[in-house]
Amino acid sequence: LGAIVGITHVVSEEALKEAVLERIPAGTEEMNIKALNAGRKAGQEVLQTKVG
């Protein structure tokens, strides 16, 4: 999900974060947000190599 948002910006990062936090098990928030951010960063890097 993070990679898709990093490439398409179809939803805001904040909206995605809120949606993820509403659906994950308690106690996994930090891990899931780190994964979301890593995916977003990877998506942005791919986009930069393809466009830039």
Protein backbone atom coordinates (compact mmCIF):
# COMPACT_ATOMS: atom_id res chain seq x y z
CA LEU A 1 0.00 0.00 0.00
CA GLY A 2 2.76 2.40 0.86
CA ALA A 3 4.45 1.88 -2.51
CA ILE A 4 1.20 2.48 -4.38
CA VAL A 5 0.61 5.74 -2.53
CA GLY A 6 4.25 6.73 -3.03
CA ILE A 7 3.81 6.37 -6.79
CA THR A 8 0.22 7.43 -7.41
CA HIS A 9 -0.65 9.77 -4.54
CA VAL A 10 -4.19 8.41 -4.92
CA VAL A 11 -4.83 9.15 -1.23
CA SER A 12 -2.93 11.25 1.25
CA GLU A 13 -0.27 9.63 3.38
CA GLU A 14 -2.23 10.66 6.47
CA ALA A 15 -5.44 9.03 5.20
CA LEU A 16 -3.58 5.81 4.46
CA LYS A 17 -1.92 5.83 7.88
CA GLU A 18 -5.27 6.35 9.60
CA ALA A 19 -6.89 3.54 7.58
CA VAL A 20 -4.08 1.13 8.40
CA LEU A 21 -4.10 2.01 12.10
CA GLU A 22 -7.85 1.36 12.26
CA ARG A 23 -7.47 -2.17 10.90
CA ILE A 24 -4.33 -3.67 12.42
CA PRO A 25 -4.05 -5.63 15.65
CA ALA A 26 -3.16 -3.72 18.79
CA GLY A 27 0.54 -3.75 19.50
CA THR A 28 1.58 -3.83 15.84
CA GLU A 29 1.23 -0.11 15.13
CA GLU A 30 4.93 0.75 15.05
CA MET A 31 5.85 -2.21 12.86
CA ASN A 32 3.05 -1.51 10.39
CA ILE A 33 3.81 2.21 10.13
CA LYS A 34 7.48 1.41 9.51
CA ALA A 35 6.45 -1.00 6.74
CA LEU A 36 4.09 1.58 5.27
CA ASN A 37 6.83 4.22 5.24
CA ALA A 38 9.36 1.80 3.72
CA GLY A 39 6.93 0.94 0.95
CA ARG A 40 6.16 4.59 0.28
CA LYS A 41 9.86 5.41 0.09
CA ALA A 42 10.50 2.48 -2.25
CA GLY A 43 7.64 3.57 -4.50
CA GLN A 44 8.98 7.12 -4.66
CA GLU A 45 12.47 5.83 -5.50
CA VAL A 46 11.11 3.68 -8.33
CA LEU A 47 9.15 6.63 -9.66
CA GLN A 48 12.24 8.85 -9.59
CA THR A 49 14.34 6.31 -11.50
CA LYS A 50 11.63 5.92 -14.15
CA VAL A 51 10.81 9.63 -14.49
CA GLY A 52 13.88 11.45 -13.29
